[in-house]
Amino acid sequence: MQMVPELVVAMLSCARLGLIHNIIFGGFNYNSIADRINDSQSKLIITQNIGVRGNKFNIPMYENCKEALSLTQTIEKIIVFERIYNNKLHNDIMNDNKCIFWHDLIFDQSNVCDYEIMDSEDPLFIL
């Protein structure tokens, strides 16, 4: 994800739940994403549908993640934050059984979440 408030929410949620998160640069191609997924044995990807850079709305973040899945075997789900609405891409994501839209996931969630007690030596994230 790019610099949107949901990025901070995702990272802090991982920390609260005791999950190790792996930060991947949004401009990486699918090979680089797959390498990082395979190295860390990730089970979940949180991304956005389309990246924005200046006046460009064409960074294919979701599509890069989907292509990376052909080179990985550990990903169970992809959470997609829909930053820019695109009808074709929206329908592709809706029809993918591995994908969950961010807004669908957070709908009707409780404001209370118990935290996981961690040791100071436990890893928080991978860079």
N, C-alpha and C. Protein backbone atom coordinates (compact mmCIF):
# COMPACT_ATOMS: atom_id res chain seq x y z
N MET A 1 0.84 -1.18 0.00
CA MET A 1 0.00 0.00 0.00
C MET A 1 0.89 1.24 0.00
N GLN A 2 0.34 2.29 -0.54
CA GLN A 2 1.07 3.54 -0.53
C GLN A 2 0.74 4.30 0.76
N MET A 3 1.14 5.55 0.82
CA MET A 3 0.97 6.35 2.03
C MET A 3 -0.48 6.80 2.19
N VAL A 4 -1.31 5.88 2.65
CA VAL A 4 -2.71 6.15 2.96
C VAL A 4 -2.92 5.77 4.42
N PRO A 5 -3.91 6.34 5.08
CA PRO A 5 -4.13 6.01 6.50
C PRO A 5 -4.30 4.51 6.75
N GLU A 6 -4.87 3.79 5.79
CA GLU A 6 -5.08 2.35 5.96
C GLU A 6 -3.77 1.58 6.09
N LEU A 7 -2.70 2.12 5.55
CA LEU A 7 -1.38 1.49 5.71
C LEU A 7 -0.99 1.45 7.18
N VAL A 8 -1.15 2.56 7.85
CA VAL A 8 -0.82 2.63 9.28
C VAL A 8 -1.73 1.70 10.08
N VAL A 9 -3.01 1.70 9.74
CA VAL A 9 -3.96 0.81 10.42
C VAL A 9 -3.54 -0.65 10.25
N ALA A 10 -3.15 -1.03 9.04
CA ALA A 10 -2.74 -2.40 8.77
C ALA A 10 -1.49 -2.78 9.58
N MET A 11 -0.49 -1.91 9.56
CA MET A 11 0.76 -2.23 10.28
C MET A 11 0.52 -2.30 11.79
N LEU A 12 -0.23 -1.35 12.34
CA LEU A 12 -0.49 -1.37 13.78
C LEU A 12 -1.38 -2.55 14.17
N SER A 13 -2.27 -2.95 13.28
CA SER A 13 -3.11 -4.12 13.55
C SER A 13 -2.26 -5.38 13.62
N CYS A 14 -1.31 -5.50 12.71
CA CYS A 14 -0.40 -6.66 12.74
C CYS A 14 0.36 -6.69 14.06
N ALA A 15 0.84 -5.54 14.49
CA ALA A 15 1.60 -5.47 15.75
C ALA A 15 0.70 -5.86 16.92
N ARG A 16 -0.51 -5.36 16.95
CA ARG A 16 -1.42 -5.66 18.05
C ARG A 16 -1.77 -7.15 18.12
N LEU A 17 -1.87 -7.78 16.95
CA LEU A 17 -2.23 -9.19 16.89
C LEU A 17 -1.02 -10.12 17.01
N GLY A 18 0.18 -9.53 17.09
CA GLY A 18 1.39 -10.34 17.22
C GLY A 18 1.84 -10.97 15.92
N LEU A 19 1.43 -10.38 14.80
CA LEU A 19 1.79 -10.91 13.48
C LEU A 19 3.04 -10.22 12.95
N ILE A 20 3.90 -10.96 12.33
CA ILE A 20 5.09 -10.37 11.70
C ILE A 20 4.65 -9.86 10.34
N HIS A 21 4.90 -8.58 10.08
CA HIS A 21 4.56 -8.07 8.75
C HIS A 21 5.82 -7.77 7.96
N ASN A 22 5.68 -7.93 6.67
CA ASN A 22 6.78 -7.80 5.73
C ASN A 22 6.47 -6.63 4.81
N ILE A 23 7.23 -5.58 4.90
CA ILE A 23 6.96 -4.37 4.12
C ILE A 23 7.64 -4.52 2.76
N ILE A 24 6.82 -4.40 1.70
CA ILE A 24 7.32 -4.55 0.33
C ILE A 24 7.06 -3.26 -0.42
N PHE A 25 8.06 -2.73 -1.07
CA PHE A 25 7.93 -1.50 -1.85
C PHE A 25 6.87 -1.68 -2.93
N GLY A 26 5.94 -0.75 -3.01
CA GLY A 26 4.82 -0.83 -3.93
C GLY A 26 5.20 -0.80 -5.40
N GLY A 27 6.40 -0.34 -5.71
CA GLY A 27 6.83 -0.27 -7.10
C GLY A 27 7.52 -1.53 -7.60
N PHE A 28 7.67 -2.55 -6.73
CA PHE A 28 8.32 -3.78 -7.16
C PHE A 28 7.48 -4.52 -8.19
N ASN A 29 8.16 -5.23 -9.07
CA ASN A 29 7.44 -6.06 -10.03
C ASN A 29 7.08 -7.39 -9.36
N TYR A 30 6.35 -8.22 -10.07
CA TYR A 30 5.83 -9.45 -9.46
C TYR A 30 6.94 -10.42 -9.06
N ASN A 31 8.07 -10.44 -9.75
CA ASN A 31 9.17 -11.33 -9.37
C ASN A 31 9.73 -10.97 -8.01
N SER A 32 9.92 -9.68 -7.77
CA SER A 32 10.45 -9.22 -6.48
C SER A 32 9.47 -9.47 -5.36
N ILE A 33 8.19 -9.28 -5.65
CA ILE A 33 7.16 -9.55 -4.64
C ILE A 33 7.16 -11.05 -4.30
N ALA A 34 7.21 -11.89 -5.32
CA ALA A 34 7.22 -13.34 -5.10
C ALA A 34 8.44 -13.77 -4.29
N ASP A 35 9.60 -13.19 -4.56
CA ASP A 35 10.80 -13.52 -3.79
C ASP A 35 10.60 -13.23 -2.31
N ARG A 36 10.04 -12.10 -2.01
CA ARG A 36 9.83 -11.72 -0.60
C ARG A 36 8.77 -12.59 0.06
N ILE A 37 7.73 -12.93 -0.68
CA ILE A 37 6.71 -13.82 -0.14
C ILE A 37 7.31 -15.19 0.16
N ASN A 38 8.08 -15.71 -0.78
CA ASN A 38 8.69 -17.03 -0.59
C ASN A 38 9.72 -17.03 0.54
N ASP A 39 10.50 -15.98 0.65
CA ASP A 39 11.51 -15.90 1.72
C ASP A 39 10.86 -15.86 3.10
N SER A 40 9.72 -15.18 3.22
CA SER A 40 9.10 -15.03 4.53
C SER A 40 7.94 -16.00 4.77
N GLN A 41 7.57 -16.78 3.72
CA GLN A 41 6.45 -17.73 3.82
C GLN A 41 5.16 -17.02 4.26
N SER A 42 4.91 -15.86 3.67
CA SER A 42 3.72 -15.06 3.99
C SER A 42 2.45 -15.80 3.63
N LYS A 43 1.40 -15.56 4.42
CA LYS A 43 0.11 -16.18 4.17
C LYS A 43 -0.94 -15.18 3.69
N LEU A 44 -0.65 -13.89 3.85
CA LEU A 44 -1.63 -12.85 3.54
C LEU A 44 -0.93 -11.66 2.91
N ILE A 45 -1.58 -11.05 1.93
CA ILE A 45 -1.09 -9.82 1.32
C ILE A 45 -2.14 -8.74 1.57
N ILE A 46 -1.69 -7.57 1.97
CA ILE A 46 -2.56 -6.41 2.03
C ILE A 46 -2.02 -5.42 1.01
N THR A 47 -2.83 -5.06 0.04
CA THR A 47 -2.40 -4.17 -1.03
C THR A 47 -3.54 -3.23 -1.40
N GLN A 48 -3.30 -2.40 -2.37
CA GLN A 48 -4.38 -1.58 -2.91
C GLN A 48 -4.53 -1.90 -4.38
N ASN A 49 -5.66 -1.54 -4.94
CA ASN A 49 -5.93 -1.94 -6.33
C ASN A 49 -5.04 -1.20 -7.32
N ILE A 50 -4.95 0.10 -7.20
CA ILE A 50 -4.19 0.91 -8.15
C ILE A 50 -3.34 1.90 -7.36
N GLY A 51 -2.09 2.02 -7.74
CA GLY A 51 -1.21 3.00 -7.10
C GLY A 51 -1.30 4.35 -7.79
N VAL A 52 -1.02 5.38 -7.03
CA VAL A 52 -1.06 6.75 -7.53
C VAL A 52 0.31 7.38 -7.31
N ARG A 53 0.85 7.96 -8.35
CA ARG A 53 2.14 8.64 -8.26
C ARG A 53 2.04 9.94 -9.05
N GLY A 54 1.94 11.06 -8.37
CA GLY A 54 1.77 12.33 -9.06
C GLY A 54 0.43 12.35 -9.77
N ASN A 55 0.45 12.59 -11.07
CA ASN A 55 -0.78 12.62 -11.86
C ASN A 55 -1.11 11.26 -12.47
N LYS A 56 -0.33 10.23 -12.15
CA LYS A 56 -0.53 8.91 -12.74
C LYS A 56 -1.38 8.03 -11.81
N PHE A 57 -2.35 7.35 -12.38
CA PHE A 57 -3.20 6.43 -11.64
C PHE A 57 -3.02 5.02 -12.19
N ASN A 58 -1.80 4.65 -12.52
CA ASN A 58 -1.64 3.41 -13.26
C ASN A 58 -0.62 2.44 -12.69
N ILE A 59 -0.29 2.54 -11.44
CA ILE A 59 0.63 1.57 -10.86
C ILE A 59 -0.19 0.33 -10.50
N PRO A 60 0.03 -0.79 -11.18
CA PRO A 60 -0.84 -1.97 -11.02
C PRO A 60 -0.48 -2.80 -9.79
N MET A 61 -0.72 -2.28 -8.61
CA MET A 61 -0.30 -2.95 -7.38
C MET A 61 -1.01 -4.29 -7.18
N TYR A 62 -2.31 -4.32 -7.34
CA TYR A 62 -3.04 -5.59 -7.19
C TYR A 62 -2.62 -6.59 -8.26
N GLU A 63 -2.52 -6.13 -9.49
CA GLU A 63 -2.15 -7.03 -10.58
C GLU A 63 -0.75 -7.61 -10.39
N ASN A 64 0.18 -6.80 -9.87
CA ASN A 64 1.53 -7.31 -9.57
C ASN A 64 1.47 -8.40 -8.50
N CYS A 65 0.63 -8.19 -7.49
CA CYS A 65 0.49 -9.21 -6.43
C CYS A 65 -0.13 -10.49 -6.99
N LYS A 66 -1.13 -10.35 -7.85
CA LYS A 66 -1.76 -11.52 -8.44
C LYS A 66 -0.77 -12.31 -9.30
N GLU A 67 0.05 -11.61 -10.06
CA GLU A 67 1.06 -12.31 -10.88
C GLU A 67 2.08 -13.00 -9.99
N ALA A 68 2.42 -12.40 -8.88
CA ALA A 68 3.38 -13.00 -7.96
C ALA A 68 2.85 -14.32 -7.40
N LEU A 69 1.54 -14.45 -7.29
CA LEU A 69 0.96 -15.69 -6.75
C LEU A 69 1.26 -16.90 -7.60
N SER A 70 1.51 -16.69 -8.89
CA SER A 70 1.85 -17.83 -9.75
C SER A 70 3.22 -18.40 -9.41
N LEU A 71 4.02 -17.63 -8.65
CA LEU A 71 5.36 -18.07 -8.26
C LEU A 71 5.46 -18.42 -6.78
N THR A 72 4.33 -18.40 -6.10
CA THR A 72 4.31 -18.69 -4.66
C THR A 72 3.24 -19.72 -4.35
N GLN A 73 3.31 -20.29 -3.16
CA GLN A 73 2.31 -21.28 -2.76
C GLN A 73 1.74 -21.04 -1.38
N THR A 74 2.20 -20.01 -0.68
CA THR A 74 1.80 -19.86 0.71
C THR A 74 0.65 -18.87 0.94
N ILE A 75 0.37 -18.01 -0.03
CA ILE A 75 -0.65 -16.97 0.16
C ILE A 75 -2.05 -17.59 0.18
N GLU A 76 -2.78 -17.28 1.25
CA GLU A 76 -4.14 -17.78 1.39
C GLU A 76 -5.18 -16.72 1.01
N LYS A 77 -4.91 -15.46 1.34
CA LYS A 77 -5.86 -14.38 1.08
C LYS A 77 -5.12 -13.10 0.69
N ILE A 78 -5.82 -12.26 -0.07
CA ILE A 78 -5.33 -10.92 -0.41
C ILE A 78 -6.40 -9.93 0.03
N ILE A 79 -6.01 -8.98 0.85
CA ILE A 79 -6.91 -7.89 1.24
C ILE A 79 -6.58 -6.72 0.33
N VAL A 80 -7.60 -6.20 -0.35
CA VAL A 80 -7.40 -5.14 -1.34
C VAL A 80 -8.12 -3.87 -0.90
N PHE A 81 -7.33 -2.82 -0.67
CA PHE A 81 -7.90 -1.50 -0.41
C PHE A 81 -8.16 -0.85 -1.77
N GLU A 82 -9.41 -0.49 -2.00
CA GLU A 82 -9.79 0.09 -3.29
C GLU A 82 -9.60 1.61 -3.23
N ARG A 83 -8.42 2.04 -3.63
CA ARG A 83 -8.10 3.47 -3.56
C ARG A 83 -8.75 4.25 -4.69
N ILE A 84 -8.69 3.74 -5.89
CA ILE A 84 -9.30 4.36 -7.06
C ILE A 84 -10.28 3.35 -7.65
N TYR A 85 -11.52 3.75 -7.85
CA TYR A 85 -12.49 2.81 -8.41
C TYR A 85 -12.23 2.62 -9.90
N ASN A 86 -12.15 1.36 -10.30
CA ASN A 86 -11.99 0.97 -11.70
C ASN A 86 -12.92 -0.22 -11.90
N ASN A 87 -13.94 -0.06 -12.74
CA ASN A 87 -14.99 -1.06 -12.87
C ASN A 87 -14.45 -2.45 -13.22
N LYS A 88 -13.59 -2.54 -14.23
CA LYS A 88 -13.07 -3.85 -14.64
C LYS A 88 -12.25 -4.48 -13.52
N LEU A 89 -11.37 -3.70 -12.92
CA LEU A 89 -10.53 -4.22 -11.84
C LEU A 89 -11.38 -4.60 -10.63
N HIS A 90 -12.39 -3.80 -10.34
CA HIS A 90 -13.30 -4.09 -9.22
C HIS A 90 -13.96 -5.45 -9.43
N ASN A 91 -14.44 -5.71 -10.63
CA ASN A 91 -15.09 -6.99 -10.93
C ASN A 91 -14.10 -8.14 -10.87
N ASP A 92 -12.86 -7.93 -11.35
CA ASP A 92 -11.84 -8.99 -11.26
C ASP A 92 -11.57 -9.36 -9.81
N ILE A 93 -11.47 -8.36 -8.95
CA ILE A 93 -11.20 -8.61 -7.53
C ILE A 93 -12.39 -9.31 -6.88
N MET A 94 -13.60 -8.85 -7.21
CA MET A 94 -14.81 -9.46 -6.64
C MET A 94 -14.93 -10.93 -7.00
N ASN A 95 -14.49 -11.30 -8.18
CA ASN A 95 -14.64 -12.68 -8.65
C ASN A 95 -13.47 -13.59 -8.26
N ASP A 96 -12.50 -13.06 -7.55
CA ASP A 96 -11.36 -13.86 -7.11
C ASP A 96 -11.63 -14.36 -5.70
N ASN A 97 -11.67 -15.67 -5.51
CA ASN A 97 -12.01 -16.22 -4.19
C ASN A 97 -10.92 -16.01 -3.14
N LYS A 98 -9.72 -15.59 -3.55
CA LYS A 98 -8.67 -15.30 -2.57
C LYS A 98 -8.73 -13.87 -2.07
N CYS A 99 -9.52 -13.02 -2.72
CA CYS A 99 -9.52 -11.59 -2.42
C CYS A 99 -10.67 -11.17 -1.52
N ILE A 100 -10.36 -10.22 -0.66
CA ILE A 100 -11.34 -9.59 0.22
C ILE A 100 -11.12 -8.09 0.09
N PHE A 101 -12.18 -7.33 -0.15
CA PHE A 101 -12.04 -5.88 -0.16
C PHE A 101 -11.87 -5.39 1.28
N TRP A 102 -11.00 -4.40 1.45
CA TRP A 102 -10.75 -3.78 2.75
C TRP A 102 -12.05 -3.33 3.39
N HIS A 103 -12.88 -2.62 2.61
CA HIS A 103 -14.12 -2.06 3.17
C HIS A 103 -15.09 -3.16 3.59
N ASP A 104 -15.08 -4.32 2.93
CA ASP A 104 -15.92 -5.44 3.35
C ASP A 104 -15.39 -6.08 4.63
N LEU A 105 -14.09 -6.12 4.76
CA LEU A 105 -13.47 -6.73 5.94
C LEU A 105 -13.73 -5.93 7.21
N ILE A 106 -13.66 -4.62 7.11
CA ILE A 106 -13.79 -3.79 8.32
C ILE A 106 -15.23 -3.47 8.67
N PHE A 107 -16.15 -3.74 7.74
CA PHE A 107 -17.56 -3.46 7.99
C PHE A 107 -18.06 -4.28 9.18
N ASP A 108 -18.71 -3.64 10.11
CA ASP A 108 -19.30 -4.29 11.30
C ASP A 108 -18.27 -4.92 12.24
N GLN A 109 -17.02 -4.51 12.17
CA GLN A 109 -16.03 -5.04 13.11
C GLN A 109 -16.12 -4.29 14.43
N SER A 110 -15.80 -4.95 15.49
CA SER A 110 -15.80 -4.34 16.81
C SER A 110 -14.67 -3.31 16.91
N ASN A 111 -14.88 -2.31 17.74
CA ASN A 111 -13.83 -1.32 18.01
C ASN A 111 -12.85 -1.82 19.06
N VAL A 112 -13.12 -2.97 19.63
CA VAL A 112 -12.28 -3.54 20.68
C VAL A 112 -11.56 -4.76 20.13
N CYS A 113 -10.25 -4.82 20.36
CA CYS A 113 -9.45 -5.95 19.90
C CYS A 113 -8.41 -6.26 20.97
N ASP A 114 -8.46 -7.45 21.51
CA ASP A 114 -7.46 -7.84 22.50
C ASP A 114 -6.09 -7.89 21.84
N TYR A 115 -5.08 -7.56 22.60
CA TYR A 115 -3.71 -7.58 22.08
C TYR A 115 -3.04 -8.89 22.44
N GLU A 116 -2.03 -9.22 21.66
CA GLU A 116 -1.25 -10.42 21.90
C GLU A 116 -0.03 -10.03 22.75
N ILE A 117 0.20 -10.76 23.82
CA ILE A 117 1.37 -10.51 24.65
C ILE A 117 2.58 -11.13 23.97
N MET A 118 3.59 -10.32 23.73
CA MET A 118 4.78 -10.77 23.01
C MET A 118 6.01 -10.57 23.90
N ASP A 119 7.05 -11.36 23.63
CA ASP A 119 8.33 -11.14 24.29
C ASP A 119 9.09 -10.05 23.56
N SER A 120 9.99 -9.40 24.24
CA SER A 120 10.75 -8.32 23.62
C SER A 120 11.64 -8.81 22.49
N GLU A 121 11.96 -10.09 22.47
CA GLU A 121 12.81 -10.65 21.41
C GLU A 121 12.00 -11.10 20.18
N ASP A 122 10.69 -11.12 20.28
CA ASP A 122 9.85 -11.56 19.14
C ASP A 122 9.94 -10.56 18.02
N PRO A 123 10.05 -11.02 16.78
CA PRO A 123 10.14 -10.09 15.65
C PRO A 123 8.82 -9.37 15.40
N LEU A 124 8.91 -8.12 14.96
CA LEU A 124 7.73 -7.33 14.63
C LEU A 124 7.51 -7.27 13.14
N PHE A 125 8.59 -7.01 12.39
CA PHE A 125 8.45 -6.90 10.94
C PHE A 125 9.73 -7.34 10.26
N ILE A 126 9.64 -7.55 8.95
CA ILE A 126 10.79 -7.92 8.12
C ILE A 126 10.96 -6.85 7.07
N LEU A 127 12.16 -6.35 6.92
CA LEU A 127 12.45 -5.38 5.87
C LEU A 127 13.32 -6.00 4.81
